[in-house]
Amino acid sequence: MLVVFDCDGVLVDSEHLAAEVFADVLASIGVTMCANACFKQFKGWSLAACFVWIEQRYSLQLPDDFLDILNTATRQRFNRDLQAVKYVERVLDFLNDRSIPFCVASNGSQQKMDLSLSSTGLAPYFPIEKRFSAHDVTAGKPAPDVFLKAAETEGVRPSFCWVVEDSLAGCTAAQAAGMNLIYFNAAGELDSDISATNPIAVCSTMQCLLDFFSTSCPENSTYN
């Protein structure tokens, strides 16, 4: 068994912060798109996909240094304000106590994951070999590549993997990978597109997720 966590919105409460930074940096080049619009449009997307959408939607080419400016602004904001999702440490400690392996698989880069996990104190739970980025595979979510890479590296069949995701792109990727999906629904919204990915559980808080694991996980999960 392997538990695969998404990073943004599942381990760290980053998505609204990132949307605010994105909106500010877009405004600096004359693109008006509020933080809420950025959040709704780009949740779960890779930066590459975001950039393509912006260039097509606004008929422009982003400056060559746009990514560097965005990364710098994001790093400054995360270092100041980013926090772990409430009680996520309880879930990770539970899995450790049960000897259930877990990892993180994100559409973000390795650098962004390192920033997010380090800023929130979660880095010790996820050593570098337990971090999987869509930048290291052929295609990001909603393609299943990053999840399949995690399963292959960990030596666990996809059908024995449980994915904790909060975005449509991530849920679609988990379904395409043939993995068991747990939808982390902190926003309290469950639309038809998410329902169509057939989550085995919907959890709105980490306490709810912990309760689900407590009743569903074996004492010693050594099978694969």
Protein backbone atom coordinates (compact mmCIF):
# COMPACT_ATOMS: atom_id res chain seq x y z
CA MET A 1 0.00 0.00 0.00
CA LEU A 2 1.13 3.55 -0.77
CA VAL A 3 -0.55 6.86 0.09
CA VAL A 4 0.21 9.59 -2.45
CA PHE A 5 -0.48 13.16 -1.38
CA ASP A 6 -0.86 16.14 -3.63
CA CYS A 7 1.08 19.10 -2.22
CA ASP A 8 -0.73 22.40 -2.79
CA GLY A 9 -4.09 22.47 -1.04
CA VAL A 10 -3.58 19.07 0.61
CA LEU A 11 -0.32 19.27 2.55
CA VAL A 12 0.12 23.04 2.50
CA ASP A 13 -2.49 25.80 2.42
CA SER A 14 -0.86 27.48 -0.55
CA GLU A 15 -3.34 27.84 -3.35
CA HIS A 16 -5.01 31.11 -2.32
CA LEU A 17 -1.61 32.63 -1.51
CA ALA A 18 -0.23 31.52 -4.86
CA ALA A 19 -3.29 32.94 -6.64
CA GLU A 20 -2.78 36.31 -4.96
CA VAL A 21 0.87 36.37 -6.01
CA PHE A 22 -0.02 35.30 -9.55
CA ALA A 23 -2.62 38.07 -9.84
CA ASP A 24 -0.16 40.68 -8.58
CA VAL A 25 2.58 39.61 -11.02
CA LEU A 26 0.11 39.53 -13.92
CA ALA A 27 -1.03 43.04 -12.98
CA SER A 28 2.59 44.21 -13.19
CA ILE A 29 2.59 43.38 -16.91
CA GLY A 30 -0.84 44.84 -17.56
CA VAL A 31 -2.99 41.70 -17.30
CA THR A 32 -6.04 42.19 -15.10
CA MET A 33 -7.06 38.90 -13.50
CA CYS A 34 -8.10 38.88 -9.85
CA ALA A 35 -6.80 36.37 -7.32
CA ASN A 36 -10.13 34.56 -7.11
CA ALA A 37 -10.22 34.16 -10.89
CA CYS A 38 -6.66 32.82 -10.87
CA PHE A 39 -7.58 30.35 -8.13
CA LYS A 40 -10.66 29.06 -9.92
CA GLN A 41 -9.03 28.86 -13.35
CA PHE A 42 -5.65 27.40 -12.45
CA LYS A 43 -6.26 25.19 -9.41
CA GLY A 44 -4.30 21.97 -9.91
CA TRP A 45 -2.68 23.14 -13.15
CA SER A 46 1.02 23.14 -13.96
CA LEU A 47 2.62 26.55 -14.48
CA ALA A 48 3.32 25.64 -18.09
CA ALA A 49 -0.38 25.07 -18.69
CA CYS A 50 -1.22 28.35 -16.91
CA PHE A 51 1.19 30.27 -19.10
CA VAL A 52 -0.22 28.77 -22.30
CA TRP A 53 -3.76 29.66 -21.24
CA ILE A 54 -2.81 33.24 -20.38
CA GLU A 55 -0.99 33.80 -23.66
CA GLN A 56 -3.92 32.43 -25.66
CA ARG A 57 -6.61 34.17 -23.62
CA TYR A 58 -4.96 37.59 -23.67
CA SER A 59 -3.20 37.30 -27.06
CA LEU A 60 0.22 38.12 -25.67
CA GLN A 61 3.62 36.61 -25.03
CA LEU A 62 4.74 36.57 -21.42
CA PRO A 63 8.09 38.27 -20.75
CA ASP A 64 11.14 36.03 -20.76
CA ASP A 65 11.71 36.74 -17.06
CA PHE A 66 8.08 36.22 -16.02
CA LEU A 67 8.78 32.83 -14.41
CA ASP A 68 11.74 34.21 -12.46
CA ILE A 69 9.69 37.16 -11.21
CA LEU A 70 6.80 34.87 -10.25
CA ASN A 71 9.11 32.42 -8.46
CA THR A 72 10.78 35.21 -6.49
CA ALA A 73 7.45 36.74 -5.45
CA THR A 74 6.06 33.32 -4.52
CA ARG A 75 9.12 32.45 -2.44
CA GLN A 76 8.87 35.70 -0.51
CA ARG A 77 5.16 35.26 0.18
CA PHE A 78 5.47 31.60 1.14
CA ASN A 79 8.37 32.27 3.49
CA ARG A 80 6.25 34.86 5.22
CA ASP A 81 2.74 33.40 5.24
CA LEU A 82 2.54 29.75 4.17
CA GLN A 83 1.20 27.21 6.66
CA ALA A 84 0.59 23.49 6.65
CA VAL A 85 -3.00 22.35 6.30
CA LYS A 86 -4.40 22.08 9.82
CA TYR A 87 -3.71 18.72 11.51
CA VAL A 88 -1.94 17.21 8.50
CA GLU A 89 0.90 16.20 10.83
CA ARG A 90 -1.54 13.96 12.71
CA VAL A 91 -2.31 12.09 9.51
CA LEU A 92 1.37 11.71 8.60
CA ASP A 93 2.26 10.55 12.11
CA PHE A 94 -0.56 7.99 11.97
CA LEU A 95 0.78 6.58 8.70
CA ASN A 96 4.30 6.46 10.11
CA ASP A 97 3.06 4.67 13.23
CA ARG A 98 1.31 2.08 11.04
CA SER A 99 4.41 1.69 8.80
CA ILE A 100 2.31 2.74 5.81
CA PRO A 101 4.53 4.36 3.15
CA PHE A 102 3.56 7.72 1.73
CA CYS A 103 4.94 10.29 -0.69
CA VAL A 104 4.01 13.53 -2.44
CA ALA A 105 3.28 13.94 -6.16
CA SER A 106 2.75 17.45 -7.46
CA ASN A 107 2.37 19.42 -10.66
CA GLY A 108 4.79 21.89 -9.08
CA SER A 109 8.53 21.77 -9.53
CA GLN A 110 10.93 20.14 -7.09
CA GLN A 111 12.03 23.65 -6.08
CA LYS A 112 8.47 24.69 -5.28
CA MET A 113 7.83 21.53 -3.27
CA ASP A 114 11.04 22.11 -1.33
CA LEU A 115 9.96 25.69 -0.56
CA SER A 116 6.46 24.63 0.49
CA LEU A 117 7.55 21.71 2.66
CA SER A 118 10.47 23.56 4.23
CA SER A 119 8.44 26.69 5.01
CA THR A 120 5.80 24.66 6.84
CA GLY A 121 8.05 22.21 8.68
CA LEU A 122 6.82 19.22 6.67
CA ALA A 123 10.10 18.52 4.87
CA PRO A 124 11.24 15.81 7.36
CA TYR A 125 8.16 13.75 6.47
CA PHE A 126 9.08 13.82 2.77
CA PRO A 127 12.76 13.21 2.03
CA ILE A 128 13.79 14.03 -1.51
CA GLU A 129 13.28 10.46 -2.75
CA LYS A 130 9.62 10.70 -1.65
CA ARG A 131 8.91 13.79 -3.77
CA PHE A 132 7.64 13.39 -7.33
CA SER A 133 7.20 16.32 -9.69
CA ALA A 134 5.29 16.49 -12.95
CA HIS A 135 8.31 18.39 -14.28
CA ASP A 136 10.21 15.07 -14.21
CA VAL A 137 7.74 13.11 -16.36
CA THR A 138 6.28 13.48 -19.84
CA ALA A 139 3.01 15.16 -18.87
CA GLY A 140 1.55 16.70 -15.73
CA LYS A 141 -1.87 16.14 -14.22
CA PRO A 142 -4.53 15.46 -15.51
CA ALA A 143 -2.26 12.89 -17.17
CA PRO A 144 -1.43 10.02 -14.77
CA ASP A 145 2.35 10.10 -15.36
CA VAL A 146 3.51 11.54 -12.03
CA PHE A 147 1.33 9.14 -10.03
CA LEU A 148 2.51 6.15 -12.04
CA LYS A 149 6.11 7.27 -11.57
CA ALA A 150 5.59 7.39 -7.80
CA ALA A 151 4.05 3.91 -7.75
CA GLU A 152 6.81 2.45 -9.94
CA THR A 153 9.56 4.00 -7.82
CA GLU A 154 7.96 2.82 -4.60
CA GLY A 155 7.34 -0.66 -6.02
CA VAL A 156 3.59 -0.59 -5.42
CA ARG A 157 0.94 -1.54 -7.95
CA PRO A 158 -1.41 1.34 -8.85
CA SER A 159 -4.43 -0.54 -7.54
CA PHE A 160 -2.82 -0.52 -4.07
CA CYS A 161 -2.21 3.25 -4.12
CA TRP A 162 -4.47 5.75 -2.37
CA VAL A 163 -4.25 9.29 -3.76
CA VAL A 164 -5.31 12.34 -1.73
CA GLU A 165 -6.22 15.13 -4.14
CA ASP A 166 -8.14 18.41 -4.09
CA SER A 167 -8.33 19.43 -7.76
CA LEU A 168 -10.15 18.13 -10.82
CA ALA A 169 -6.84 17.72 -12.65
CA GLY A 170 -5.44 15.62 -9.82
CA CYS A 171 -8.59 13.56 -9.42
CA THR A 172 -8.66 12.86 -13.15
CA ALA A 173 -5.00 11.81 -13.04
CA ALA A 174 -5.62 9.44 -10.14
CA GLN A 175 -8.54 7.83 -11.94
CA ALA A 176 -6.50 7.46 -15.14
CA ALA A 177 -3.70 5.84 -13.13
CA GLY A 178 -6.11 3.22 -11.77
CA MET A 179 -5.57 4.35 -8.18
CA ASN A 180 -7.98 4.74 -5.27
CA LEU A 181 -8.97 8.41 -5.00
CA ILE A 182 -9.71 10.29 -1.79
CA TYR A 183 -11.04 13.76 -2.56
CA PHE A 184 -9.90 16.37 -0.04
CA ASN A 185 -12.78 18.79 -0.22
CA ALA A 186 -11.73 21.65 2.05
CA ALA A 187 -13.82 24.11 0.06
CA GLY A 188 -16.98 22.07 0.62
CA GLU A 189 -17.78 21.87 -3.07
CA LEU A 190 -18.37 18.57 -4.87
CA ASP A 191 -19.35 19.11 -8.49
CA SER A 192 -20.33 16.56 -11.11
CA ASP A 193 -16.87 16.52 -12.71
CA ILE A 194 -15.23 15.52 -9.42
CA SER A 195 -17.95 12.95 -8.73
CA ALA A 196 -17.30 11.42 -12.14
CA THR A 197 -13.75 10.51 -11.04
CA ASN A 198 -15.31 8.10 -8.49
CA PRO A 199 -13.59 8.99 -5.21
CA ILE A 200 -13.78 6.24 -2.59
CA ALA A 201 -14.06 8.92 0.10
CA VAL A 202 -14.64 12.66 0.40
CA CYS A 203 -12.98 14.41 3.34
CA SER A 204 -13.36 18.09 4.18
CA THR A 205 -10.76 18.18 6.98
CA MET A 206 -7.61 16.34 7.98
CA GLN A 207 -9.46 14.98 11.02
CA CYS A 208 -11.98 13.44 8.64
CA LEU A 209 -9.12 11.97 6.60
CA LEU A 210 -7.51 10.60 9.75
CA ASP A 211 -10.81 9.00 10.77
CA PHE A 212 -11.08 7.40 7.34
CA PHE A 213 -7.55 6.01 7.50
CA SER A 214 -8.12 4.81 11.06
CA THR A 215 -11.01 2.62 9.96
CA SER A 216 -9.63 1.59 6.56
CA CYS A 217 -5.88 1.03 6.91
CA PRO A 218 -4.46 -2.30 8.06
CA GLU A 219 -2.18 -2.41 11.09
CA ASN A 220 0.85 -3.32 8.99
CA SER A 221 0.59 -2.56 5.29
CA THR A 222 3.49 -4.45 3.75
CA TYR A 223 1.75 -5.80 0.65
CA ASN A 224 2.15 -4.24 -2.80
